[in-house]
């Protein structure tokens, strides 16, 4: 599929977004061999359901009735012994579920179907979203982060790690207290005490109008 691979010089190469998807969900996607339909039976399996519906032509009076009939087919197939394994799929999936990893954060998965921004974090610790800027921890300076809007919140990821959640606001600059203090620690002289760094950070945040009501 062109949405998964690019063909260059006769060879297949996964697209960057697919490689990133593999990293995010912790799986390896194996590409099918060309002209070997036995390796990709998903479509053929779905087509069976269409064929089973043919005898019901003009008998199902609504979309709801069609959906219910398909559910019945699905339950029947899942409870019958598989021709290859000899075991009903329902029994196999229950066993396989014991070995499945947890699903990644929903917002991270949603980033593949939403308008998501990937940005390199500057020294200011601020990334942009809809004309406003939001802070991230100092450890992400110079690294690329993924910015995922979800409802009225902004989820910011460094690779698969959720490093900051911000409320989406109309303020031009939105600093999280710990992000600002972390940035100050990196920029201030090493002999400056931690208490003094925090004091100066709070003063600066107050001048920016972002000290009161900030998240701790």
N, C-alpha and C. Protein backbone atom coordinates (compact mmCIF):
# COMPACT_ATOMS: atom_id res chain seq x y z
N UNK A 1 0.85 -1.20 0.00
CA UNK A 1 0.00 0.00 0.00
C UNK A 1 0.88 1.24 0.00
N UNK A 2 0.49 2.23 -0.79
CA UNK A 2 1.27 3.47 -0.87
C UNK A 2 1.22 4.26 0.44
N UNK A 3 0.22 3.97 1.29
CA UNK A 3 0.13 4.63 2.58
C UNK A 3 1.12 4.05 3.60
N UNK A 4 1.73 2.90 3.24
CA UNK A 4 2.64 2.21 4.16
C UNK A 4 4.08 2.22 3.64
N UNK A 5 4.24 1.98 2.33
CA UNK A 5 5.59 1.88 1.78
C UNK A 5 5.76 2.77 0.56
N UNK A 6 7.01 3.08 0.28
CA UNK A 6 7.37 3.76 -0.96
C UNK A 6 8.25 2.80 -1.75
N UNK A 7 8.09 2.77 -3.07
CA UNK A 7 8.88 1.90 -3.93
C UNK A 7 10.00 2.73 -4.56
N UNK A 8 11.23 2.40 -4.25
CA UNK A 8 12.38 3.11 -4.82
C UNK A 8 13.37 2.09 -5.37
N UNK A 9 13.74 2.29 -6.62
CA UNK A 9 14.70 1.38 -7.29
C UNK A 9 14.27 -0.08 -7.18
N UNK A 10 12.97 -0.29 -7.28
CA UNK A 10 12.45 -1.65 -7.24
C UNK A 10 12.34 -2.25 -5.86
N UNK A 11 12.71 -1.50 -4.83
CA UNK A 11 12.62 -2.02 -3.47
C UNK A 11 11.60 -1.28 -2.63
N UNK A 12 11.13 -1.92 -1.57
CA UNK A 12 10.12 -1.33 -0.69
C UNK A 12 10.79 -0.71 0.54
N UNK A 13 10.30 0.46 0.91
CA UNK A 13 10.80 1.14 2.10
C UNK A 13 9.62 1.71 2.87
N UNK A 14 9.55 1.42 4.16
CA UNK A 14 8.45 1.94 4.98
C UNK A 14 8.53 3.45 5.07
N UNK A 15 7.37 4.09 5.05
CA UNK A 15 7.31 5.54 5.18
C UNK A 15 7.72 5.95 6.61
N UNK A 16 8.27 7.16 6.78
CA UNK A 16 8.68 7.60 8.12
C UNK A 16 7.57 7.54 9.15
N UNK A 17 6.33 7.88 8.75
CA UNK A 17 5.22 7.86 9.72
C UNK A 17 4.93 6.43 10.19
N UNK A 18 5.15 5.44 9.31
CA UNK A 18 4.94 4.05 9.69
C UNK A 18 6.03 3.60 10.66
N UNK A 19 7.26 4.02 10.41
CA UNK A 19 8.34 3.68 11.33
C UNK A 19 8.10 4.30 12.71
N UNK A 20 7.60 5.54 12.72
CA UNK A 20 7.30 6.19 13.99
C UNK A 20 6.15 5.47 14.71
N UNK A 21 5.15 5.03 13.93
CA UNK A 21 4.03 4.29 14.49
C UNK A 21 4.52 3.00 15.15
N UNK A 22 5.45 2.31 14.50
CA UNK A 22 6.02 1.08 15.08
C UNK A 22 6.66 1.38 16.44
N UNK A 23 7.42 2.48 16.49
CA UNK A 23 8.08 2.84 17.75
C UNK A 23 7.08 3.21 18.83
N UNK A 24 6.02 3.92 18.45
CA UNK A 24 5.04 4.40 19.42
C UNK A 24 4.26 3.26 20.06
N UNK A 25 3.92 2.23 19.27
CA UNK A 25 3.10 1.16 19.82
C UNK A 25 3.91 -0.08 20.17
N UNK A 26 5.21 -0.06 19.86
CA UNK A 26 6.07 -1.16 20.27
C UNK A 26 5.88 -2.44 19.50
N UNK A 27 5.58 -2.34 18.22
CA UNK A 27 5.43 -3.54 17.39
C UNK A 27 6.27 -3.39 16.13
N UNK A 28 6.46 -4.50 15.44
CA UNK A 28 7.17 -4.50 14.17
C UNK A 28 6.20 -4.93 13.08
N UNK A 29 6.02 -4.08 12.08
CA UNK A 29 5.12 -4.38 10.97
C UNK A 29 5.90 -5.12 9.89
N UNK A 30 5.43 -6.30 9.54
CA UNK A 30 6.08 -7.10 8.50
C UNK A 30 5.34 -6.91 7.18
N UNK A 31 6.08 -6.58 6.15
CA UNK A 31 5.48 -6.35 4.84
C UNK A 31 5.22 -7.68 4.13
N UNK A 32 4.10 -7.75 3.42
CA UNK A 32 3.75 -8.95 2.67
C UNK A 32 4.60 -9.04 1.41
N UNK A 33 4.80 -10.26 0.95
CA UNK A 33 5.49 -10.46 -0.31
C UNK A 33 4.55 -10.16 -1.48
N UNK A 34 5.13 -9.68 -2.56
CA UNK A 34 4.33 -9.35 -3.74
C UNK A 34 3.75 -10.62 -4.35
N UNK A 35 2.49 -10.52 -4.78
CA UNK A 35 1.79 -11.60 -5.48
C UNK A 35 1.74 -12.89 -4.67
N UNK A 36 1.54 -12.77 -3.38
CA UNK A 36 1.35 -13.95 -2.53
C UNK A 36 0.09 -13.74 -1.69
N UNK A 37 -1.08 -13.93 -2.29
CA UNK A 37 -2.34 -13.63 -1.60
C UNK A 37 -2.55 -14.43 -0.32
N UNK A 38 -1.85 -15.58 -0.19
CA UNK A 38 -2.05 -16.38 1.02
C UNK A 38 -1.49 -15.68 2.25
N UNK A 39 -0.66 -14.64 2.07
CA UNK A 39 -0.09 -13.94 3.22
C UNK A 39 -0.95 -12.78 3.67
N UNK A 40 -1.98 -12.46 2.93
CA UNK A 40 -2.83 -11.34 3.31
C UNK A 40 -4.30 -11.72 3.11
N UNK A 41 -4.79 -12.54 4.04
CA UNK A 41 -6.14 -13.07 3.91
C UNK A 41 -7.22 -12.23 4.56
N UNK A 42 -6.87 -11.05 5.08
CA UNK A 42 -7.85 -10.22 5.77
C UNK A 42 -8.99 -9.84 4.84
N UNK A 43 -8.66 -9.41 3.63
CA UNK A 43 -9.71 -9.00 2.68
C UNK A 43 -10.57 -10.19 2.30
N UNK A 44 -9.92 -11.33 2.02
CA UNK A 44 -10.68 -12.52 1.65
C UNK A 44 -11.62 -12.94 2.77
N UNK A 45 -11.14 -12.82 4.00
CA UNK A 45 -11.97 -13.19 5.15
C UNK A 45 -13.19 -12.28 5.25
N UNK A 46 -13.00 -10.97 5.04
CA UNK A 46 -14.12 -10.04 5.10
C UNK A 46 -15.11 -10.29 3.97
N UNK A 47 -14.60 -10.69 2.81
CA UNK A 47 -15.48 -10.95 1.67
C UNK A 47 -16.42 -12.11 1.93
N UNK A 48 -16.03 -13.04 2.80
CA UNK A 48 -16.92 -14.17 3.12
C UNK A 48 -18.23 -13.66 3.72
N UNK A 49 -18.12 -12.64 4.57
CA UNK A 49 -19.32 -12.10 5.19
C UNK A 49 -20.28 -11.54 4.13
N UNK A 50 -19.71 -10.90 3.12
CA UNK A 50 -20.54 -10.35 2.05
C UNK A 50 -21.27 -11.47 1.33
N UNK A 51 -20.57 -12.56 1.06
CA UNK A 51 -21.20 -13.69 0.37
C UNK A 51 -22.31 -14.31 1.22
N UNK A 52 -22.09 -14.36 2.53
CA UNK A 52 -23.11 -14.95 3.40
C UNK A 52 -24.37 -14.10 3.47
N UNK A 53 -24.25 -12.81 3.14
CA UNK A 53 -25.40 -11.92 3.18
C UNK A 53 -26.27 -12.01 1.93
N UNK A 54 -25.72 -12.60 0.87
CA UNK A 54 -26.46 -12.66 -0.40
C UNK A 54 -27.83 -13.31 -0.26
N UNK A 55 -27.96 -14.44 0.48
CA UNK A 55 -29.30 -15.05 0.61
C UNK A 55 -30.33 -14.15 1.30
N UNK A 56 -29.87 -13.13 2.00
CA UNK A 56 -30.79 -12.24 2.71
C UNK A 56 -31.13 -10.99 1.90
N UNK A 57 -30.81 -11.01 0.62
CA UNK A 57 -31.07 -9.86 -0.24
C UNK A 57 -32.55 -9.50 -0.21
N UNK A 58 -32.85 -8.23 0.05
CA UNK A 58 -34.22 -7.69 0.13
C UNK A 58 -35.00 -8.19 1.34
N UNK A 59 -34.38 -8.96 2.23
CA UNK A 59 -35.09 -9.43 3.43
C UNK A 59 -34.78 -8.58 4.66
N UNK A 60 -33.65 -7.91 4.65
CA UNK A 60 -33.26 -7.06 5.78
C UNK A 60 -33.76 -5.65 5.52
N UNK A 61 -34.66 -5.18 6.38
CA UNK A 61 -35.34 -3.93 6.09
C UNK A 61 -34.68 -2.67 6.60
N UNK A 62 -33.56 -2.80 7.32
CA UNK A 62 -32.93 -1.60 7.86
C UNK A 62 -31.44 -1.85 8.07
N UNK A 63 -30.73 -0.75 8.29
CA UNK A 63 -29.30 -0.88 8.58
C UNK A 63 -29.08 -1.63 9.89
N UNK A 64 -29.96 -1.39 10.86
CA UNK A 64 -29.84 -2.08 12.14
C UNK A 64 -29.96 -3.58 12.00
N UNK A 65 -30.90 -4.03 11.14
CA UNK A 65 -31.08 -5.46 10.91
C UNK A 65 -29.85 -6.06 10.25
N UNK A 66 -29.23 -5.30 9.34
CA UNK A 66 -28.01 -5.76 8.68
C UNK A 66 -26.88 -5.92 9.69
N UNK A 67 -26.74 -4.94 10.57
CA UNK A 67 -25.68 -4.99 11.58
C UNK A 67 -25.88 -6.17 12.52
N UNK A 68 -27.10 -6.43 12.92
CA UNK A 68 -27.38 -7.55 13.80
C UNK A 68 -27.06 -8.88 13.14
N UNK A 69 -27.37 -9.01 11.84
CA UNK A 69 -27.08 -10.24 11.11
C UNK A 69 -25.57 -10.47 11.03
N UNK A 70 -24.81 -9.41 10.79
CA UNK A 70 -23.36 -9.53 10.72
C UNK A 70 -22.80 -9.93 12.09
N UNK A 71 -23.37 -9.38 13.17
CA UNK A 71 -22.94 -9.77 14.51
C UNK A 71 -23.16 -11.27 14.75
N UNK A 72 -24.28 -11.78 14.26
CA UNK A 72 -24.56 -13.22 14.40
C UNK A 72 -23.53 -14.05 13.65
N UNK A 73 -23.18 -13.61 12.43
CA UNK A 73 -22.15 -14.30 11.66
C UNK A 73 -20.82 -14.29 12.42
N UNK A 74 -20.50 -13.15 12.98
CA UNK A 74 -19.23 -12.99 13.68
C UNK A 74 -19.15 -13.91 14.90
N UNK A 75 -20.23 -13.98 15.66
CA UNK A 75 -20.26 -14.86 16.83
C UNK A 75 -20.13 -16.32 16.41
N UNK A 76 -20.80 -16.67 15.32
CA UNK A 76 -20.74 -18.05 14.83
C UNK A 76 -19.32 -18.44 14.42
N UNK A 77 -18.67 -17.56 13.67
CA UNK A 77 -17.31 -17.84 13.20
C UNK A 77 -16.34 -17.94 14.37
N UNK A 78 -16.49 -17.07 15.37
CA UNK A 78 -15.57 -17.07 16.50
C UNK A 78 -15.70 -18.29 17.39
N UNK A 79 -16.85 -18.96 17.33
CA UNK A 79 -17.09 -20.11 18.20
C UNK A 79 -16.84 -21.44 17.49
N UNK A 80 -16.68 -21.41 16.15
CA UNK A 80 -16.42 -22.62 15.40
C UNK A 80 -14.92 -22.91 15.38
N UNK A 81 -14.55 -24.20 15.31
CA UNK A 81 -13.15 -24.58 15.26
C UNK A 81 -12.51 -24.08 13.97
N UNK A 82 -11.35 -23.46 14.09
CA UNK A 82 -10.63 -22.97 12.93
C UNK A 82 -10.07 -24.13 12.12
N UNK A 83 -10.11 -24.00 10.78
CA UNK A 83 -9.66 -25.08 9.91
C UNK A 83 -8.18 -25.37 10.03
N UNK A 84 -7.39 -24.40 10.43
CA UNK A 84 -5.93 -24.59 10.53
C UNK A 84 -5.52 -25.05 11.92
N UNK A 85 -6.03 -24.37 12.95
CA UNK A 85 -5.61 -24.67 14.32
C UNK A 85 -6.47 -25.73 14.99
N UNK A 86 -7.73 -25.87 14.51
CA UNK A 86 -8.65 -26.79 15.15
C UNK A 86 -9.23 -26.25 16.45
N UNK A 87 -8.97 -24.97 16.74
CA UNK A 87 -9.42 -24.35 17.99
C UNK A 87 -10.29 -23.14 17.65
N UNK A 88 -11.41 -22.94 18.33
CA UNK A 88 -12.23 -21.75 18.09
C UNK A 88 -11.45 -20.47 18.35
N UNK A 89 -11.59 -19.45 17.49
CA UNK A 89 -10.86 -18.19 17.68
C UNK A 89 -11.06 -17.56 19.05
N UNK A 90 -12.26 -17.69 19.64
CA UNK A 90 -12.52 -17.09 20.94
C UNK A 90 -11.59 -17.64 22.01
N UNK A 91 -11.29 -18.94 21.94
CA UNK A 91 -10.40 -19.54 22.92
C UNK A 91 -8.97 -19.06 22.72
N UNK A 92 -8.59 -18.92 21.46
CA UNK A 92 -7.23 -18.46 21.17
C UNK A 92 -7.00 -17.02 21.61
N UNK A 93 -7.97 -16.15 21.34
CA UNK A 93 -7.79 -14.74 21.69
C UNK A 93 -7.71 -14.56 23.20
N UNK A 94 -8.45 -15.34 23.95
CA UNK A 94 -8.38 -15.24 25.41
C UNK A 94 -6.99 -15.61 25.91
N UNK A 95 -6.38 -16.62 25.27
CA UNK A 95 -5.03 -17.02 25.65
C UNK A 95 -4.02 -15.96 25.22
N UNK A 96 -4.20 -15.41 24.02
CA UNK A 96 -3.27 -14.41 23.51
C UNK A 96 -3.33 -13.12 24.33
N UNK A 97 -4.49 -12.79 24.86
CA UNK A 97 -4.64 -11.55 25.63
C UNK A 97 -3.76 -11.54 26.87
N UNK A 98 -3.37 -12.73 27.36
CA UNK A 98 -2.48 -12.79 28.51
C UNK A 98 -1.10 -12.25 28.18
N UNK A 99 -0.76 -12.22 26.90
CA UNK A 99 0.58 -11.82 26.48
C UNK A 99 0.60 -10.46 25.78
N UNK A 100 -0.54 -9.79 25.69
CA UNK A 100 -0.60 -8.50 25.01
C UNK A 100 -0.13 -7.38 25.93
N UNK A 101 0.60 -6.43 25.35
CA UNK A 101 1.00 -5.24 26.10
C UNK A 101 -0.17 -4.28 26.21
N UNK A 102 -0.16 -3.39 27.21
CA UNK A 102 -1.23 -2.39 27.32
C UNK A 102 -1.26 -1.49 26.09
N UNK A 103 -2.45 -1.02 25.72
CA UNK A 103 -2.58 -0.11 24.60
C UNK A 103 -1.94 1.22 24.96
N UNK A 104 -1.16 1.82 24.05
CA UNK A 104 -0.54 3.12 24.35
C UNK A 104 -1.60 4.18 24.63
N UNK A 105 -1.14 5.31 25.17
CA UNK A 105 -2.04 6.41 25.49
C UNK A 105 -2.95 6.73 24.31
N UNK A 106 -4.24 6.90 24.60
CA UNK A 106 -5.23 7.14 23.53
C UNK A 106 -4.91 8.39 22.72
N UNK A 107 -4.42 9.41 23.40
CA UNK A 107 -4.09 10.64 22.68
C UNK A 107 -2.95 10.42 21.70
N UNK A 108 -1.99 9.56 22.09
CA UNK A 108 -0.88 9.26 21.20
C UNK A 108 -1.35 8.55 19.94
N UNK A 109 -2.22 7.57 20.11
CA UNK A 109 -2.77 6.88 18.94
C UNK A 109 -3.60 7.83 18.09
N UNK A 110 -4.34 8.71 18.76
CA UNK A 110 -5.16 9.67 18.01
C UNK A 110 -4.34 10.63 17.19
N UNK A 111 -3.06 10.76 17.53
CA UNK A 111 -2.22 11.69 16.78
C UNK A 111 -2.05 11.29 15.32
N UNK A 112 -2.31 10.03 15.02
CA UNK A 112 -2.14 9.58 13.64
C UNK A 112 -3.34 9.92 12.77
N UNK A 113 -4.41 10.39 13.35
CA UNK A 113 -5.58 10.77 12.56
C UNK A 113 -5.99 12.21 12.82
N UNK A 114 -5.22 12.95 13.60
CA UNK A 114 -5.53 14.32 13.91
C UNK A 114 -4.49 15.25 13.31
N UNK A 115 -4.75 16.54 13.43
CA UNK A 115 -3.82 17.55 12.96
C UNK A 115 -2.74 17.75 14.02
N UNK A 116 -1.68 16.96 13.93
CA UNK A 116 -0.65 16.94 14.96
C UNK A 116 0.59 17.66 14.47
N UNK A 117 1.24 18.38 15.37
CA UNK A 117 2.45 19.11 15.03
C UNK A 117 3.66 18.44 15.67
N UNK A 118 4.75 18.36 14.93
CA UNK A 118 6.02 17.87 15.46
C UNK A 118 7.01 19.03 15.38
N UNK A 119 7.58 19.41 16.54
CA UNK A 119 8.45 20.58 16.60
C UNK A 119 9.73 20.27 17.38
N UNK A 120 10.79 20.97 17.03
CA UNK A 120 12.03 20.89 17.79
C UNK A 120 11.98 21.93 18.91
N UNK A 121 12.27 21.51 20.13
CA UNK A 121 12.14 22.39 21.29
C UNK A 121 13.30 23.38 21.33
N UNK A 122 13.02 24.69 21.37
CA UNK A 122 14.08 25.71 21.45
C UNK A 122 14.54 25.92 22.89
N UNK A 123 15.53 26.79 23.07
CA UNK A 123 16.06 27.09 24.40
C UNK A 123 15.00 27.73 25.31
N UNK A 124 14.00 28.35 24.73
CA UNK A 124 12.94 28.98 25.53
C UNK A 124 11.99 27.97 26.16
N UNK A 125 12.11 26.68 25.76
CA UNK A 125 11.25 25.59 26.26
C UNK A 125 9.82 25.69 25.74
N UNK A 126 9.55 26.60 24.79
CA UNK A 126 8.18 26.84 24.35
C UNK A 126 7.94 26.27 22.96
N UNK A 127 6.85 25.50 22.81
CA UNK A 127 6.40 25.03 21.51
C UNK A 127 5.09 25.73 21.18
N UNK A 128 4.78 25.84 19.91
CA UNK A 128 3.65 26.64 19.48
C UNK A 128 2.45 25.77 19.12
N UNK A 129 1.26 26.31 19.47
CA UNK A 129 0.00 25.68 19.05
C UNK A 129 -1.05 26.76 18.92
N UNK A 130 -1.59 26.93 17.72
CA UNK A 130 -2.66 27.89 17.43
C UNK A 130 -2.33 29.29 17.95
N UNK A 131 -1.12 29.75 17.67
CA UNK A 131 -0.74 31.12 18.02
C UNK A 131 -0.29 31.32 19.45
N UNK A 132 -0.36 30.29 20.28
CA UNK A 132 0.12 30.39 21.66
C UNK A 132 1.32 29.48 21.85
N UNK A 133 2.07 29.72 22.93
CA UNK A 133 3.25 28.92 23.21
C UNK A 133 3.09 28.22 24.56
N UNK A 134 3.56 26.96 24.60
CA UNK A 134 3.40 26.12 25.79
C UNK A 134 4.76 25.51 26.16
N UNK A 135 5.03 25.44 27.46
CA UNK A 135 6.34 24.97 27.91
C UNK A 135 6.43 23.45 27.99
N UNK A 136 7.67 22.97 27.93
CA UNK A 136 7.98 21.55 28.10
C UNK A 136 9.19 21.46 29.03
N UNK A 137 9.48 20.29 29.60
CA UNK A 137 10.64 20.15 30.49
C UNK A 137 11.96 20.43 29.77
N UNK A 138 12.96 20.84 30.53
CA UNK A 138 14.25 21.23 29.97
C UNK A 138 14.95 20.08 29.27
N UNK A 139 14.68 18.84 29.69
CA UNK A 139 15.36 17.69 29.07
C UNK A 139 15.03 17.53 27.60
N UNK A 140 13.97 18.21 27.12
CA UNK A 140 13.56 18.06 25.72
C UNK A 140 14.16 19.13 24.81
N UNK A 141 14.99 20.03 25.34
CA UNK A 141 15.60 21.08 24.52
C UNK A 141 16.40 20.44 23.38
N UNK A 142 16.16 20.92 22.16
CA UNK A 142 16.87 20.41 21.00
C UNK A 142 16.31 19.12 20.43
N UNK A 143 15.30 18.57 21.09
CA UNK A 143 14.70 17.31 20.64
C UNK A 143 13.33 17.58 19.99
N UNK A 144 12.88 16.63 19.21
CA UNK A 144 11.60 16.78 18.53
C UNK A 144 10.48 16.19 19.40
N UNK A 145 9.44 16.98 19.59
CA UNK A 145 8.29 16.53 20.38
C UNK A 145 7.04 16.55 19.51
N UNK A 146 6.09 15.73 19.90
CA UNK A 146 4.83 15.63 19.18
C UNK A 146 3.75 16.32 20.01
N UNK A 147 3.00 17.22 19.38
CA UNK A 147 1.99 18.02 20.06
C UNK A 147 0.61 17.54 19.61
N UNK A 148 -0.14 17.00 20.57
CA UNK A 148 -1.40 16.33 20.25
C UNK A 148 -2.56 17.02 20.97
N UNK A 149 -3.44 17.73 20.25
CA UNK A 149 -4.61 18.32 20.91
C UNK A 149 -5.68 17.25 21.17
N UNK A 150 -6.30 17.32 22.33
CA UNK A 150 -7.38 16.39 22.67
C UNK A 150 -8.38 17.14 23.54
N UNK A 151 -9.53 17.49 22.97
CA UNK A 151 -10.50 18.29 23.70
C UNK A 151 -9.93 19.66 23.99
N UNK A 152 -9.96 20.07 25.26
CA UNK A 152 -9.40 21.38 25.64
C UNK A 152 -8.02 21.24 26.26
N UNK A 153 -7.35 20.10 25.99
CA UNK A 153 -6.02 19.88 26.53
C UNK A 153 -5.02 19.61 25.41
N UNK A 154 -3.76 19.91 25.72
CA UNK A 154 -2.67 19.71 24.78
C UNK A 154 -1.71 18.69 25.39
N UNK A 155 -1.55 17.54 24.72
CA UNK A 155 -0.64 16.50 25.18
C UNK A 155 0.67 16.63 24.39
N UNK A 156 1.78 16.64 25.10
CA UNK A 156 3.08 16.80 24.44
C UNK A 156 3.93 15.57 24.76
N UNK A 157 4.41 14.89 23.70
CA UNK A 157 5.17 13.66 23.83
C UNK A 157 6.60 13.83 23.37
N UNK A 158 7.52 13.22 24.10
CA UNK A 158 8.90 13.04 23.67
C UNK A 158 9.05 11.56 23.39
N UNK A 159 9.10 11.20 22.10
CA UNK A 159 9.01 9.80 21.68
C UNK A 159 7.66 9.27 22.18
N UNK A 160 7.66 8.23 23.01
CA UNK A 160 6.40 7.69 23.54
C UNK A 160 6.07 8.22 24.93
N UNK A 161 6.95 9.03 25.50
CA UNK A 161 6.76 9.53 26.87
C UNK A 161 5.91 10.81 26.87
N UNK A 162 4.85 10.79 27.64
CA UNK A 162 4.02 11.99 27.82
C UNK A 162 4.74 12.89 28.83
N UNK A 163 5.28 14.03 28.34
CA UNK A 163 6.10 14.88 29.20
C UNK A 163 5.36 16.09 29.76
N UNK A 164 4.24 16.47 29.16
CA UNK A 164 3.50 17.62 29.68
C UNK A 164 2.08 17.64 29.14
N UNK A 165 1.13 18.03 30.00
CA UNK A 165 -0.26 18.29 29.60
C UNK A 165 -0.58 19.73 29.95
N UNK A 166 -1.07 20.48 28.98
CA UNK A 166 -1.47 21.87 29.20
C UNK A 166 -2.95 22.04 28.89
N UNK A 167 -3.60 22.91 29.61
CA UNK A 167 -4.91 23.38 29.21
C UNK A 167 -4.73 24.35 28.03
N UNK A 168 -5.50 24.18 26.98
CA UNK A 168 -5.42 25.08 25.84
C UNK A 168 -6.04 26.41 26.23
N UNK A 169 -5.27 27.48 26.09
CA UNK A 169 -5.74 28.80 26.50
C UNK A 169 -5.53 29.80 25.37
N UNK A 170 -6.01 31.02 25.60
CA UNK A 170 -5.78 32.10 24.65
C UNK A 170 -4.56 32.94 25.03
N UNK A 171 -3.92 32.62 26.18
CA UNK A 171 -2.70 33.33 26.56
C UNK A 171 -1.61 33.05 25.55
N UNK A 172 -0.80 34.04 25.26
CA UNK A 172 0.27 33.88 24.28
C UNK A 172 1.38 32.98 24.80
N UNK A 173 1.68 33.06 26.11
CA UNK A 173 2.75 32.25 26.69
C UNK A 173 2.19 31.47 27.88
N UNK A 174 2.46 30.18 27.92
CA UNK A 174 1.95 29.32 28.99
C UNK A 174 3.10 28.47 29.53
N UNK A 175 3.66 28.93 30.67
CA UNK A 175 4.76 28.21 31.31
C UNK A 175 4.24 27.35 32.44
N UNK A 176 4.68 26.10 32.49
CA UNK A 176 4.49 25.27 33.69
C UNK A 176 5.62 25.62 34.66
N UNK A 177 5.30 25.78 35.93
CA UNK A 177 6.29 26.22 36.92
C UNK A 177 7.55 25.37 36.89
N UNK A 178 7.40 24.05 36.91
CA UNK A 178 8.58 23.17 36.96
C UNK A 178 9.41 23.26 35.69
N UNK A 179 8.76 23.49 34.54
CA UNK A 179 9.51 23.66 33.29
C UNK A 179 10.39 24.90 33.37
N UNK A 180 9.81 26.00 33.88
CA UNK A 180 10.56 27.26 33.94
C UNK A 180 11.74 27.14 34.91
N UNK A 181 11.48 26.53 36.06
CA UNK A 181 12.55 26.37 37.04
C UNK A 181 13.66 25.48 36.48
N UNK A 182 13.27 24.41 35.77
CA UNK A 182 14.26 23.52 35.17
C UNK A 182 15.12 24.25 34.15
N UNK A 183 14.49 25.14 33.35
CA UNK A 183 15.25 25.92 32.39
C UNK A 183 16.19 26.89 33.07
N UNK A 184 15.74 27.49 34.18
CA UNK A 184 16.58 28.42 34.93
C UNK A 184 17.79 27.70 35.52
N UNK A 185 17.60 26.48 35.99
CA UNK A 185 18.72 25.72 36.57
C UNK A 185 19.83 25.52 35.54
N UNK A 186 19.44 25.33 34.30
CA UNK A 186 20.44 25.11 33.25
C UNK A 186 21.16 26.39 32.85
N UNK A 187 20.49 27.53 32.99
CA UNK A 187 21.06 28.78 32.50
C UNK A 187 21.76 29.60 33.59
N UNK A 188 21.47 29.31 34.85
CA UNK A 188 22.07 30.07 35.95
C UNK A 188 23.45 29.52 36.34
N UNK A 189 24.29 30.34 36.97
CA UNK A 189 25.60 29.86 37.44
C UNK A 189 25.45 28.67 38.36
N UNK A 190 26.40 27.76 38.30
CA UNK A 190 26.31 26.51 39.07
C UNK A 190 26.39 26.74 40.58
N UNK A 191 26.99 27.89 41.01
CA UNK A 191 27.12 28.13 42.45
C UNK A 191 25.87 28.77 43.05
N UNK A 192 24.86 29.03 42.24
CA UNK A 192 23.62 29.63 42.74
C UNK A 192 22.80 28.56 43.44
N UNK A 193 22.29 28.87 44.62
CA UNK A 193 21.52 27.87 45.38
C UNK A 193 20.19 27.58 44.71
N UNK A 194 19.65 26.39 45.02
CA UNK A 194 18.38 25.99 44.43
C UNK A 194 17.26 26.92 44.89
N UNK A 195 17.31 27.34 46.16
CA UNK A 195 16.29 28.25 46.67
C UNK A 195 16.31 29.58 45.91
N UNK A 196 17.52 30.07 45.58
CA UNK A 196 17.63 31.33 44.86
C UNK A 196 17.11 31.19 43.43
N UNK A 197 17.37 30.04 42.80
CA UNK A 197 16.87 29.79 41.45
C UNK A 197 15.34 29.79 41.45
N UNK A 198 14.76 29.12 42.44
CA UNK A 198 13.31 29.06 42.54
C UNK A 198 12.74 30.46 42.78
N UNK A 199 13.40 31.24 43.66
CA UNK A 199 12.92 32.60 43.96
C UNK A 199 12.93 33.46 42.69
N UNK A 200 14.01 33.41 41.93
CA UNK A 200 14.10 34.21 40.72
C UNK A 200 13.08 33.73 39.67
N UNK A 201 12.89 32.41 39.61
CA UNK A 201 11.92 31.87 38.66
C UNK A 201 10.52 32.38 38.97
N UNK A 202 10.15 32.36 40.25
CA UNK A 202 8.82 32.81 40.65
C UNK A 202 8.64 34.31 40.39
N UNK A 203 9.73 35.07 40.58
CA UNK A 203 9.65 36.50 40.28
C UNK A 203 9.39 36.73 38.79
N UNK A 204 10.14 36.01 37.95
CA UNK A 204 9.96 36.17 36.51
C UNK A 204 8.57 35.74 36.06
N UNK A 205 8.09 34.64 36.63
CA UNK A 205 6.76 34.15 36.27
C UNK A 205 5.69 35.15 36.71
N UNK A 206 5.92 35.80 37.86
CA UNK A 206 4.97 36.80 38.32
C UNK A 206 4.92 37.97 37.35
N UNK A 207 6.09 38.36 36.83
CA UNK A 207 6.13 39.45 35.85
C UNK A 207 5.40 39.07 34.57
N UNK A 208 5.45 37.78 34.24
CA UNK A 208 4.75 37.29 33.06
C UNK A 208 3.26 37.08 33.33
N UNK A 209 2.86 37.26 34.59
CA UNK A 209 1.46 37.05 34.95
C UNK A 209 1.06 35.59 34.99
N UNK A 210 2.05 34.71 35.28
CA UNK A 210 1.77 33.28 35.24
C UNK A 210 2.16 32.57 36.53
N UNK A 211 2.29 33.32 37.60
CA UNK A 211 2.65 32.66 38.85
C UNK A 211 1.42 32.17 39.59
N UNK A 212 0.43 33.04 39.80
CA UNK A 212 -0.77 32.65 40.54
C UNK A 212 -1.59 31.64 39.74
N UNK A 213 -1.98 30.59 40.42
CA UNK A 213 -2.84 29.60 39.78
C UNK A 213 -2.12 28.64 38.88
N UNK A 214 -0.76 28.70 38.86
CA UNK A 214 -0.03 27.75 38.01
C UNK A 214 -0.05 26.37 38.61
N UNK A 215 0.11 25.33 37.73
CA UNK A 215 0.18 23.96 38.22
C UNK A 215 1.49 23.75 38.97
N UNK A 216 1.42 22.99 40.02
CA UNK A 216 2.65 22.66 40.76
C UNK A 216 3.27 21.42 40.18
